[in-house]
N, C-alpha and C. Protein backbone atom coordinates (compact mmCIF):
# COMPACT_ATOMS: atom_id res chain seq x y z
N MET A 1 -48.40 39.65 68.41
CA MET A 1 -47.37 40.54 68.89
C MET A 1 -46.46 39.79 69.85
N GLY A 2 -45.13 40.09 69.76
CA GLY A 2 -44.16 39.46 70.66
C GLY A 2 -44.22 40.08 72.04
N ARG A 3 -43.96 39.26 73.00
CA ARG A 3 -43.93 39.74 74.38
C ARG A 3 -42.53 40.22 74.73
N THR A 4 -42.47 41.29 75.42
CA THR A 4 -41.19 41.80 75.89
C THR A 4 -40.93 41.24 77.28
N ARG A 5 -39.76 40.67 77.45
CA ARG A 5 -39.41 40.13 78.77
C ARG A 5 -38.78 41.24 79.61
N LEU A 6 -39.36 41.42 80.74
CA LEU A 6 -38.80 42.40 81.68
C LEU A 6 -37.67 41.74 82.46
N PRO A 7 -36.63 42.50 82.77
CA PRO A 7 -35.56 41.92 83.57
C PRO A 7 -36.08 41.53 84.95
N ARG A 8 -35.58 40.41 85.43
CA ARG A 8 -35.96 39.97 86.77
C ARG A 8 -35.29 40.85 87.82
N PRO A 9 -36.00 41.15 88.88
CA PRO A 9 -35.34 41.91 89.95
C PRO A 9 -34.30 41.03 90.63
N THR A 10 -33.26 41.63 91.13
CA THR A 10 -32.19 40.88 91.78
C THR A 10 -32.14 41.25 93.25
N ARG A 11 -31.66 40.32 94.05
CA ARG A 11 -31.51 40.59 95.48
C ARG A 11 -30.11 41.11 95.79
N ALA A 12 -29.34 41.33 94.77
CA ALA A 12 -27.96 41.76 94.97
C ALA A 12 -27.91 43.17 95.56
N ASP A 13 -26.85 43.42 96.29
CA ASP A 13 -26.59 44.74 96.85
C ASP A 13 -25.97 45.59 95.73
N THR A 14 -26.81 46.36 95.05
CA THR A 14 -26.32 47.12 93.89
C THR A 14 -25.31 48.18 94.30
N ALA A 15 -25.42 48.70 95.50
CA ALA A 15 -24.42 49.68 95.97
C ALA A 15 -23.05 49.01 96.09
N ALA A 16 -23.01 47.76 96.54
CA ALA A 16 -21.74 47.04 96.66
C ALA A 16 -21.16 46.75 95.27
N ILE A 17 -22.02 46.42 94.32
CA ILE A 17 -21.55 46.20 92.94
C ILE A 17 -21.00 47.50 92.37
N ASP A 18 -21.71 48.60 92.60
CA ASP A 18 -21.22 49.91 92.14
C ASP A 18 -19.88 50.25 92.77
N ARG A 19 -19.71 49.93 94.05
CA ARG A 19 -18.45 50.20 94.75
C ARG A 19 -17.31 49.38 94.13
N LEU A 20 -17.57 48.10 93.84
CA LEU A 20 -16.57 47.27 93.17
C LEU A 20 -16.20 47.87 91.82
N ALA A 21 -17.21 48.25 91.06
CA ALA A 21 -16.97 48.82 89.74
C ALA A 21 -16.13 50.09 89.84
N ARG A 22 -16.41 50.91 90.82
CA ARG A 22 -15.70 52.18 90.99
C ARG A 22 -14.26 51.97 91.43
N THR A 23 -14.03 51.02 92.35
CA THR A 23 -12.70 50.86 92.93
C THR A 23 -11.81 49.88 92.17
N GLN A 24 -12.40 49.09 91.27
CA GLN A 24 -11.62 48.08 90.55
C GLN A 24 -11.75 48.24 89.04
N MET A 25 -11.78 49.45 88.57
CA MET A 25 -11.81 49.74 87.14
C MET A 25 -12.93 49.01 86.40
N ARG A 26 -14.09 48.91 87.03
CA ARG A 26 -15.27 48.27 86.46
C ARG A 26 -15.08 46.77 86.28
N LEU A 27 -14.25 46.18 87.14
CA LEU A 27 -14.01 44.74 87.13
C LEU A 27 -14.37 44.14 88.48
N ALA A 28 -14.77 42.87 88.47
CA ALA A 28 -15.03 42.14 89.71
C ALA A 28 -14.83 40.66 89.45
N THR A 29 -14.49 39.93 90.48
CA THR A 29 -14.43 38.48 90.34
C THR A 29 -15.83 37.92 90.54
N SER A 30 -16.04 36.71 90.06
CA SER A 30 -17.34 36.06 90.27
C SER A 30 -17.62 35.91 91.76
N GLY A 31 -16.60 35.61 92.55
CA GLY A 31 -16.75 35.48 93.99
C GLY A 31 -17.17 36.79 94.64
N GLN A 32 -16.59 37.90 94.20
CA GLN A 32 -16.97 39.20 94.74
C GLN A 32 -18.43 39.51 94.41
N LEU A 33 -18.85 39.18 93.20
CA LEU A 33 -20.25 39.42 92.82
C LEU A 33 -21.20 38.55 93.62
N ARG A 34 -20.83 37.28 93.85
CA ARG A 34 -21.66 36.41 94.68
C ARG A 34 -21.77 36.96 96.10
N ALA A 35 -20.67 37.54 96.60
CA ALA A 35 -20.68 38.11 97.95
C ALA A 35 -21.65 39.29 98.06
N THR A 36 -21.98 39.93 96.95
CA THR A 36 -22.95 41.02 96.98
C THR A 36 -24.39 40.49 96.93
N GLY A 37 -24.52 39.18 96.72
CA GLY A 37 -25.85 38.59 96.61
C GLY A 37 -26.29 38.36 95.17
N LEU A 38 -25.44 38.68 94.22
CA LEU A 38 -25.79 38.47 92.81
C LEU A 38 -25.65 36.99 92.48
N GLY A 39 -26.72 36.40 91.99
CA GLY A 39 -26.71 34.98 91.65
C GLY A 39 -25.86 34.70 90.42
N ALA A 40 -25.33 33.48 90.35
CA ALA A 40 -24.50 33.08 89.21
C ALA A 40 -25.29 33.15 87.91
N GLY A 41 -26.58 32.79 87.95
CA GLY A 41 -27.41 32.84 86.75
C GLY A 41 -27.60 34.26 86.24
N THR A 42 -27.78 35.19 87.16
CA THR A 42 -27.94 36.59 86.78
C THR A 42 -26.65 37.11 86.14
N ALA A 43 -25.51 36.78 86.75
CA ALA A 43 -24.23 37.21 86.17
C ALA A 43 -24.03 36.59 84.79
N SER A 44 -24.40 35.33 84.63
CA SER A 44 -24.26 34.67 83.32
C SER A 44 -25.13 35.34 82.28
N ARG A 45 -26.36 35.67 82.63
CA ARG A 45 -27.25 36.37 81.67
C ARG A 45 -26.68 37.73 81.29
N ARG A 46 -26.15 38.44 82.27
CA ARG A 46 -25.59 39.77 81.97
C ARG A 46 -24.32 39.67 81.12
N CYS A 47 -23.64 38.52 81.17
CA CYS A 47 -22.41 38.33 80.39
C CYS A 47 -22.67 37.61 79.07
N ALA A 48 -23.92 37.25 78.79
CA ALA A 48 -24.25 36.58 77.53
C ALA A 48 -24.02 37.54 76.36
N PRO A 49 -23.82 37.00 75.15
CA PRO A 49 -23.65 37.87 73.99
C PRO A 49 -24.77 38.90 73.90
N GLY A 50 -24.39 40.15 73.73
CA GLY A 50 -25.35 41.24 73.68
C GLY A 50 -25.77 41.75 75.05
N GLY A 51 -25.22 41.14 76.12
CA GLY A 51 -25.56 41.55 77.48
C GLY A 51 -24.81 42.80 77.89
N ARG A 52 -25.11 43.25 79.13
CA ARG A 52 -24.51 44.50 79.64
C ARG A 52 -23.08 44.31 80.09
N TRP A 53 -22.71 43.08 80.44
CA TRP A 53 -21.37 42.81 80.97
C TRP A 53 -20.65 41.81 80.07
N GLN A 54 -19.39 41.55 80.41
CA GLN A 54 -18.61 40.56 79.67
C GLN A 54 -17.60 39.87 80.58
N ARG A 55 -17.08 38.73 80.12
CA ARG A 55 -16.08 37.96 80.87
C ARG A 55 -14.76 38.00 80.11
N PRO A 56 -13.84 38.88 80.49
CA PRO A 56 -12.56 38.92 79.79
C PRO A 56 -11.69 37.69 80.06
N LEU A 57 -11.86 37.09 81.24
CA LEU A 57 -11.12 35.89 81.64
C LEU A 57 -12.05 35.06 82.53
N PRO A 58 -11.80 33.77 82.67
CA PRO A 58 -12.64 32.96 83.55
C PRO A 58 -12.65 33.51 84.98
N GLY A 59 -13.86 33.64 85.54
CA GLY A 59 -14.00 34.11 86.91
C GLY A 59 -13.89 35.62 87.08
N VAL A 60 -13.76 36.36 85.98
CA VAL A 60 -13.63 37.83 86.04
C VAL A 60 -14.72 38.44 85.17
N VAL A 61 -15.39 39.44 85.70
CA VAL A 61 -16.49 40.10 84.99
C VAL A 61 -16.14 41.58 84.78
N LEU A 62 -16.32 42.04 83.56
CA LEU A 62 -16.17 43.46 83.23
C LEU A 62 -17.57 44.06 83.24
N ILE A 63 -17.78 45.01 84.13
CA ILE A 63 -19.11 45.57 84.37
C ILE A 63 -19.31 46.78 83.44
N GLN A 64 -19.26 46.52 82.14
CA GLN A 64 -19.51 47.54 81.13
C GLN A 64 -19.71 46.84 79.79
N THR A 65 -20.22 47.57 78.81
CA THR A 65 -20.47 46.97 77.51
C THR A 65 -19.29 47.11 76.57
N GLY A 66 -18.50 48.17 76.68
CA GLY A 66 -17.40 48.40 75.77
C GLY A 66 -16.22 47.48 76.01
N LYS A 67 -15.26 47.50 75.08
CA LYS A 67 -14.06 46.69 75.21
C LYS A 67 -13.21 47.18 76.38
N PRO A 68 -12.52 46.27 77.06
CA PRO A 68 -11.64 46.71 78.15
C PRO A 68 -10.41 47.43 77.60
N ASP A 69 -9.96 48.45 78.34
CA ASP A 69 -8.71 49.10 77.94
C ASP A 69 -7.53 48.29 78.48
N VAL A 70 -6.32 48.72 78.20
CA VAL A 70 -5.12 47.98 78.60
C VAL A 70 -5.04 47.82 80.12
N ARG A 71 -5.30 48.89 80.86
CA ARG A 71 -5.25 48.80 82.33
C ARG A 71 -6.28 47.81 82.85
N GLN A 72 -7.47 47.82 82.29
CA GLN A 72 -8.50 46.86 82.70
C GLN A 72 -8.06 45.42 82.39
N GLN A 73 -7.43 45.21 81.25
CA GLN A 73 -6.96 43.87 80.91
C GLN A 73 -5.90 43.40 81.90
N LEU A 74 -5.01 44.29 82.31
CA LEU A 74 -3.95 43.91 83.25
C LEU A 74 -4.53 43.63 84.64
N LEU A 75 -5.47 44.46 85.08
CA LEU A 75 -6.11 44.19 86.37
C LEU A 75 -6.93 42.91 86.30
N ALA A 76 -7.59 42.66 85.18
CA ALA A 76 -8.35 41.41 85.01
C ALA A 76 -7.42 40.20 85.16
N ALA A 77 -6.19 40.32 84.66
CA ALA A 77 -5.23 39.22 84.79
C ALA A 77 -4.90 38.95 86.26
N VAL A 78 -4.72 40.01 87.04
CA VAL A 78 -4.44 39.86 88.47
C VAL A 78 -5.65 39.26 89.18
N LEU A 79 -6.85 39.75 88.86
CA LEU A 79 -8.06 39.23 89.49
C LEU A 79 -8.27 37.76 89.12
N PHE A 80 -7.97 37.39 87.89
CA PHE A 80 -8.08 36.00 87.43
C PHE A 80 -7.21 35.07 88.28
N ALA A 81 -6.02 35.54 88.62
CA ALA A 81 -5.06 34.71 89.35
C ALA A 81 -5.22 34.78 90.87
N ALA A 82 -5.89 35.81 91.37
CA ALA A 82 -6.01 36.01 92.81
C ALA A 82 -7.01 35.02 93.42
N LYS A 83 -6.86 34.83 94.73
CA LYS A 83 -7.85 33.98 95.41
C LYS A 83 -8.40 34.74 96.60
N GLY A 84 -9.63 34.39 96.96
CA GLY A 84 -10.27 35.04 98.10
C GLY A 84 -11.06 36.26 97.69
N ALA A 85 -11.82 36.77 98.63
CA ALA A 85 -12.69 37.92 98.37
C ALA A 85 -11.91 39.23 98.31
N SER A 86 -10.82 39.33 99.07
CA SER A 86 -10.03 40.56 99.10
C SER A 86 -8.82 40.40 98.18
N VAL A 87 -9.04 40.62 96.89
CA VAL A 87 -8.01 40.35 95.90
C VAL A 87 -7.13 41.55 95.58
N MET A 88 -7.58 42.75 95.85
CA MET A 88 -6.86 43.94 95.43
C MET A 88 -5.55 44.23 96.17
N PRO A 89 -5.36 43.80 97.40
CA PRO A 89 -4.10 44.13 98.06
C PRO A 89 -2.86 43.48 97.44
N GLY A 90 -3.01 42.53 96.54
CA GLY A 90 -1.84 41.91 95.93
C GLY A 90 -1.18 40.89 96.82
N ARG A 91 -1.95 40.20 97.64
CA ARG A 91 -1.37 39.21 98.54
C ARG A 91 -1.35 37.81 97.95
N THR A 92 -2.11 37.56 96.89
CA THR A 92 -2.12 36.24 96.28
C THR A 92 -1.81 36.28 94.79
N ALA A 93 -1.82 37.45 94.18
CA ALA A 93 -1.49 37.62 92.77
C ALA A 93 -1.02 39.05 92.55
N VAL A 94 0.00 39.20 91.71
CA VAL A 94 0.58 40.53 91.49
C VAL A 94 1.21 40.58 90.09
N LEU A 95 1.05 41.71 89.42
CA LEU A 95 1.58 41.89 88.08
C LEU A 95 3.10 42.04 88.13
N THR A 96 3.79 41.40 87.19
CA THR A 96 5.24 41.49 87.10
C THR A 96 5.64 41.56 85.63
N GLY A 97 6.93 41.54 85.36
CA GLY A 97 7.42 41.49 83.98
C GLY A 97 7.21 42.77 83.20
N GLU A 98 7.14 42.59 81.89
CA GLU A 98 7.09 43.73 80.98
C GLU A 98 5.86 44.60 81.18
N ALA A 99 4.71 43.99 81.46
CA ALA A 99 3.49 44.78 81.66
C ALA A 99 3.61 45.70 82.88
N ALA A 100 4.23 45.20 83.96
CA ALA A 100 4.45 46.05 85.13
C ALA A 100 5.39 47.20 84.77
N LEU A 101 6.41 46.91 83.97
CA LEU A 101 7.32 47.98 83.54
C LEU A 101 6.57 49.02 82.71
N ALA A 102 5.63 48.58 81.89
CA ALA A 102 4.81 49.53 81.11
C ALA A 102 3.98 50.41 82.04
N ILE A 103 3.44 49.81 83.11
CA ILE A 103 2.68 50.59 84.10
C ILE A 103 3.57 51.68 84.71
N TYR A 104 4.83 51.34 84.96
CA TYR A 104 5.77 52.29 85.55
C TYR A 104 6.28 53.32 84.55
N GLY A 105 5.90 53.19 83.27
CA GLY A 105 6.31 54.16 82.26
C GLY A 105 7.69 53.91 81.69
N VAL A 106 8.18 52.68 81.77
CA VAL A 106 9.50 52.36 81.22
C VAL A 106 9.40 52.34 79.69
N ARG A 107 10.27 53.11 79.05
CA ARG A 107 10.27 53.25 77.60
C ARG A 107 10.49 51.89 76.93
N GLY A 108 9.65 51.58 75.94
CA GLY A 108 9.80 50.35 75.18
C GLY A 108 9.05 49.15 75.76
N ALA A 109 8.52 49.28 76.96
CA ALA A 109 7.80 48.16 77.58
C ALA A 109 6.38 48.09 77.01
N ARG A 110 5.97 46.87 76.70
CA ARG A 110 4.63 46.64 76.14
C ARG A 110 3.75 45.96 77.19
N ALA A 111 2.47 46.13 77.02
CA ALA A 111 1.52 45.52 77.96
C ALA A 111 0.55 44.59 77.25
N ASP A 112 1.02 43.91 76.19
CA ASP A 112 0.12 43.02 75.45
C ASP A 112 0.01 41.63 76.07
N ARG A 113 0.87 41.35 77.04
CA ARG A 113 0.82 40.08 77.77
C ARG A 113 1.00 40.41 79.24
N ALA A 114 0.29 39.69 80.09
CA ALA A 114 0.38 39.93 81.53
C ALA A 114 1.06 38.76 82.21
N ASP A 115 2.20 39.03 82.82
CA ASP A 115 2.87 38.04 83.65
C ASP A 115 2.44 38.30 85.09
N VAL A 116 1.94 37.26 85.75
CA VAL A 116 1.39 37.43 87.09
C VAL A 116 2.05 36.42 88.03
N LEU A 117 2.60 36.93 89.15
CA LEU A 117 3.12 36.05 90.19
C LEU A 117 1.95 35.55 91.02
N VAL A 118 2.00 34.25 91.35
CA VAL A 118 0.99 33.65 92.22
C VAL A 118 1.71 32.84 93.29
N GLU A 119 1.00 32.57 94.38
CA GLU A 119 1.59 31.75 95.43
C GLU A 119 2.00 30.40 94.85
N GLY A 120 3.13 29.87 95.33
CA GLY A 120 3.71 28.65 94.78
C GLY A 120 2.82 27.43 94.80
N ASP A 121 1.90 27.34 95.73
CA ASP A 121 1.06 26.14 95.83
C ASP A 121 -0.23 26.23 95.02
N ARG A 122 -0.44 27.32 94.29
CA ARG A 122 -1.66 27.47 93.49
C ARG A 122 -1.59 26.58 92.26
N ARG A 123 -2.68 26.01 91.86
CA ARG A 123 -2.78 25.15 90.69
C ARG A 123 -3.68 25.82 89.66
N LEU A 124 -3.12 26.76 88.95
CA LEU A 124 -3.86 27.48 87.92
C LEU A 124 -3.17 27.28 86.58
N ARG A 125 -3.93 27.47 85.53
CA ARG A 125 -3.37 27.42 84.17
C ARG A 125 -3.33 28.82 83.60
N ASP A 126 -2.35 29.04 82.73
CA ASP A 126 -2.31 30.30 82.01
C ASP A 126 -3.64 30.49 81.28
N GLY A 127 -4.01 31.73 81.06
CA GLY A 127 -5.26 32.01 80.36
C GLY A 127 -5.08 33.11 79.35
N SER A 128 -5.46 32.86 78.12
CA SER A 128 -5.46 33.87 77.07
C SER A 128 -4.12 34.62 77.04
N TYR A 129 -4.09 35.86 77.42
CA TYR A 129 -2.88 36.69 77.40
C TYR A 129 -2.14 36.68 78.75
N VAL A 130 -2.52 35.80 79.67
CA VAL A 130 -1.97 35.77 81.02
C VAL A 130 -1.01 34.58 81.18
N ARG A 131 0.21 34.88 81.66
CA ARG A 131 1.16 33.83 82.03
C ARG A 131 1.35 33.90 83.53
N LEU A 132 1.16 32.75 84.19
CA LEU A 132 1.28 32.68 85.64
C LEU A 132 2.64 32.13 86.03
N HIS A 133 3.21 32.72 87.08
CA HIS A 133 4.53 32.33 87.57
C HIS A 133 4.44 32.07 89.07
N PRO A 134 4.47 30.80 89.48
CA PRO A 134 4.41 30.51 90.92
C PRO A 134 5.68 30.96 91.63
N THR A 135 5.55 31.44 92.84
CA THR A 135 6.71 31.83 93.65
C THR A 135 6.45 31.46 95.10
N ARG A 136 7.51 31.12 95.78
CA ARG A 136 7.41 30.84 97.22
C ARG A 136 7.88 32.04 98.05
N ARG A 137 8.60 32.95 97.41
CA ARG A 137 9.08 34.17 98.10
C ARG A 137 8.28 35.35 97.59
N TRP A 138 7.32 35.78 98.41
CA TRP A 138 6.43 36.85 97.97
C TRP A 138 7.13 38.20 98.05
N PRO A 139 7.10 38.97 96.95
CA PRO A 139 7.79 40.28 96.94
C PRO A 139 6.93 41.37 97.57
N PRO A 140 7.58 42.48 97.95
CA PRO A 140 6.78 43.65 98.36
C PRO A 140 5.89 44.06 97.18
N THR A 141 4.69 44.47 97.48
CA THR A 141 3.71 44.79 96.45
C THR A 141 3.38 46.28 96.49
N LEU A 142 3.33 46.87 95.33
CA LEU A 142 2.97 48.28 95.17
C LEU A 142 1.70 48.36 94.35
N ARG A 143 1.10 49.52 94.33
CA ARG A 143 -0.06 49.72 93.48
C ARG A 143 0.32 50.73 92.41
N GLY A 144 0.39 50.28 91.17
CA GLY A 144 0.70 51.14 90.04
C GLY A 144 -0.53 51.36 89.20
N GLU A 145 -1.01 52.58 89.12
CA GLU A 145 -2.23 52.92 88.38
C GLU A 145 -3.40 52.03 88.80
N GLY A 146 -3.46 51.71 90.10
CA GLY A 146 -4.56 50.93 90.63
C GLY A 146 -4.40 49.42 90.51
N ILE A 147 -3.25 48.97 90.02
CA ILE A 147 -3.02 47.54 89.79
C ILE A 147 -1.91 47.05 90.72
N PRO A 148 -2.13 45.98 91.47
CA PRO A 148 -1.05 45.44 92.31
C PRO A 148 0.12 44.99 91.43
N CYS A 149 1.31 45.55 91.70
CA CYS A 149 2.52 45.27 90.91
C CYS A 149 3.70 44.99 91.84
N VAL A 150 4.69 44.28 91.31
CA VAL A 150 5.96 44.17 92.02
C VAL A 150 6.74 45.45 91.73
N ARG A 151 7.82 45.66 92.48
CA ARG A 151 8.68 46.82 92.22
C ARG A 151 9.32 46.71 90.84
N ALA A 152 9.73 47.84 90.29
CA ALA A 152 10.28 47.88 88.94
C ALA A 152 11.49 46.96 88.78
N VAL A 153 12.36 46.91 89.77
CA VAL A 153 13.55 46.06 89.68
C VAL A 153 13.16 44.59 89.59
N ARG A 154 12.19 44.17 90.40
CA ARG A 154 11.72 42.78 90.35
C ARG A 154 11.03 42.50 89.02
N ALA A 155 10.24 43.45 88.53
CA ALA A 155 9.57 43.28 87.24
C ALA A 155 10.59 43.13 86.12
N ALA A 156 11.65 43.94 86.18
CA ALA A 156 12.69 43.87 85.15
C ALA A 156 13.43 42.54 85.20
N SER A 157 13.71 42.04 86.40
CA SER A 157 14.41 40.75 86.49
C SER A 157 13.51 39.61 86.02
N GLY A 158 12.21 39.69 86.31
CA GLY A 158 11.27 38.70 85.80
C GLY A 158 11.19 38.73 84.29
N PHE A 159 11.17 39.93 83.73
CA PHE A 159 11.16 40.07 82.27
C PHE A 159 12.42 39.45 81.68
N ALA A 160 13.58 39.78 82.25
CA ALA A 160 14.85 39.29 81.72
C ALA A 160 14.94 37.76 81.77
N ALA A 161 14.34 37.15 82.77
CA ALA A 161 14.40 35.70 82.92
C ALA A 161 13.59 34.98 81.84
N HIS A 162 12.61 35.64 81.23
CA HIS A 162 11.74 34.97 80.28
C HIS A 162 11.83 35.49 78.85
N GLU A 163 12.54 36.58 78.63
CA GLU A 163 12.64 37.17 77.30
C GLU A 163 13.79 36.52 76.52
N PRO A 164 13.50 35.97 75.34
CA PRO A 164 14.55 35.31 74.56
C PRO A 164 15.54 36.26 73.86
N SER A 165 15.15 37.50 73.65
CA SER A 165 16.00 38.44 72.91
C SER A 165 16.92 39.21 73.85
N PRO A 166 18.25 38.97 73.76
CA PRO A 166 19.18 39.72 74.61
C PRO A 166 19.13 41.23 74.35
N ASP A 167 18.85 41.62 73.12
CA ASP A 167 18.77 43.05 72.80
C ASP A 167 17.59 43.71 73.52
N ARG A 168 16.45 43.04 73.54
CA ARG A 168 15.28 43.59 74.26
C ARG A 168 15.54 43.64 75.76
N VAL A 169 16.18 42.59 76.29
CA VAL A 169 16.50 42.57 77.72
C VAL A 169 17.39 43.77 78.06
N ARG A 170 18.44 43.95 77.29
CA ARG A 170 19.37 45.06 77.54
C ARG A 170 18.64 46.39 77.46
N ALA A 171 17.84 46.58 76.41
CA ALA A 171 17.14 47.85 76.21
C ALA A 171 16.19 48.15 77.37
N LEU A 172 15.41 47.16 77.81
CA LEU A 172 14.47 47.41 78.90
C LEU A 172 15.15 47.57 80.24
N LEU A 173 16.25 46.85 80.46
CA LEU A 173 16.98 47.04 81.71
C LEU A 173 17.58 48.44 81.78
N VAL A 174 18.15 48.89 80.68
CA VAL A 174 18.71 50.25 80.64
C VAL A 174 17.60 51.28 80.85
N SER A 175 16.47 51.09 80.18
CA SER A 175 15.35 52.03 80.34
C SER A 175 14.83 52.05 81.77
N THR A 176 14.80 50.87 82.41
CA THR A 176 14.33 50.79 83.80
C THR A 176 15.25 51.56 84.73
N VAL A 177 16.57 51.37 84.55
CA VAL A 177 17.54 52.08 85.38
C VAL A 177 17.46 53.58 85.14
N GLN A 178 17.37 53.99 83.87
CA GLN A 178 17.28 55.41 83.55
C GLN A 178 16.00 56.02 84.13
N ARG A 179 14.92 55.31 84.03
CA ARG A 179 13.64 55.81 84.56
C ARG A 179 13.73 55.99 86.07
N ALA A 180 14.34 55.01 86.74
CA ALA A 180 14.47 55.09 88.20
C ALA A 180 15.39 56.23 88.61
N ALA A 181 16.47 56.43 87.86
CA ALA A 181 17.42 57.48 88.20
C ALA A 181 16.85 58.87 87.91
N ALA A 182 16.10 59.00 86.81
CA ALA A 182 15.58 60.30 86.42
C ALA A 182 14.34 60.71 87.20
N ASN A 183 13.58 59.72 87.63
CA ASN A 183 12.30 60.05 88.26
C ASN A 183 12.03 59.08 89.39
N ARG A 184 12.15 59.51 90.57
CA ARG A 184 11.96 58.65 91.74
C ARG A 184 10.50 58.23 91.92
N THR A 185 9.60 58.68 91.06
CA THR A 185 8.19 58.29 91.18
C THR A 185 7.91 56.96 90.50
N THR A 186 8.94 56.19 90.12
CA THR A 186 8.68 54.87 89.55
C THR A 186 8.17 53.93 90.62
N ARG A 187 8.20 54.38 91.87
CA ARG A 187 7.58 53.61 92.95
C ARG A 187 6.19 54.17 93.17
N PRO A 188 5.14 53.42 92.79
CA PRO A 188 3.78 53.95 92.91
C PRO A 188 3.37 54.23 94.35
N GLN A 189 2.12 54.61 94.49
CA GLN A 189 1.58 55.20 95.70
C GLN A 189 1.95 54.50 97.01
N VAL A 190 1.65 53.24 97.16
CA VAL A 190 1.67 52.62 98.47
C VAL A 190 2.41 51.30 98.43
N VAL A 191 3.27 51.05 99.40
CA VAL A 191 3.87 49.74 99.55
C VAL A 191 2.94 48.92 100.43
N LEU A 192 2.55 47.78 99.95
CA LEU A 192 1.64 46.90 100.68
C LEU A 192 2.42 45.72 101.20
N ARG A 193 2.37 45.48 102.47
CA ARG A 193 3.09 44.36 103.08
C ARG A 193 2.23 43.12 103.06
N ARG A 194 2.85 42.01 103.00
CA ARG A 194 2.14 40.73 103.01
C ARG A 194 1.87 40.29 104.42
C-alpha cells in the first residue's frame, strides 16, 4: 500500500496570509508571504502543478486554484513591478494605459495587456502580458477597483504615446473625455500622495 504524505505544518502567520488574500484580490508577492513567516519552499510546493496556489508572474502568488480574472491579472502586474513590502499604495508601481482606462469604464478599452509605470531607476524586464514604463515624474495615484492606477487623463496620454493606430487613439481619447464629462466618478475612491 502507498503511503499518504501529510502536509507539513508551517510556522507562517495564516491570519496574515488570509488578510493579504482578502485585501489584495487573493494575490501576494513572495516578499509579503515571507514576511508572514511562510518559507520559500512551502510557497514553491503550493505553487507546483496541481498545488493549491499558482504564480501568474515571477514573484507574485495567486492564493487560489482557479484561473485569475482580469482584475487579478492587472493587480498581479502591479505587484510584479512594485518593490518593498507595502506595494498596494502605488508608490513604486501603478497601472496606466489602456488597462487603466478599462478599469475606469472607458468604452472600447481592453485589459489584455498591462502597462505599468515604475520608478525610473528600476531595472526590471517586461513579463508575459506586462509592459513596464520607467518614469522620473511620479503621477498622483488613485485606486480603481482595488488596483493602483494613474488618473484617466494620464492613462489616456500613455496609451496614445504607444498605440500605433491613430483611429484607436482618437476613439479612446474621445471615449475618455465623454466618460469624464458624463460621469464624474471616473476618479476612483482615494487619491494617494507619494
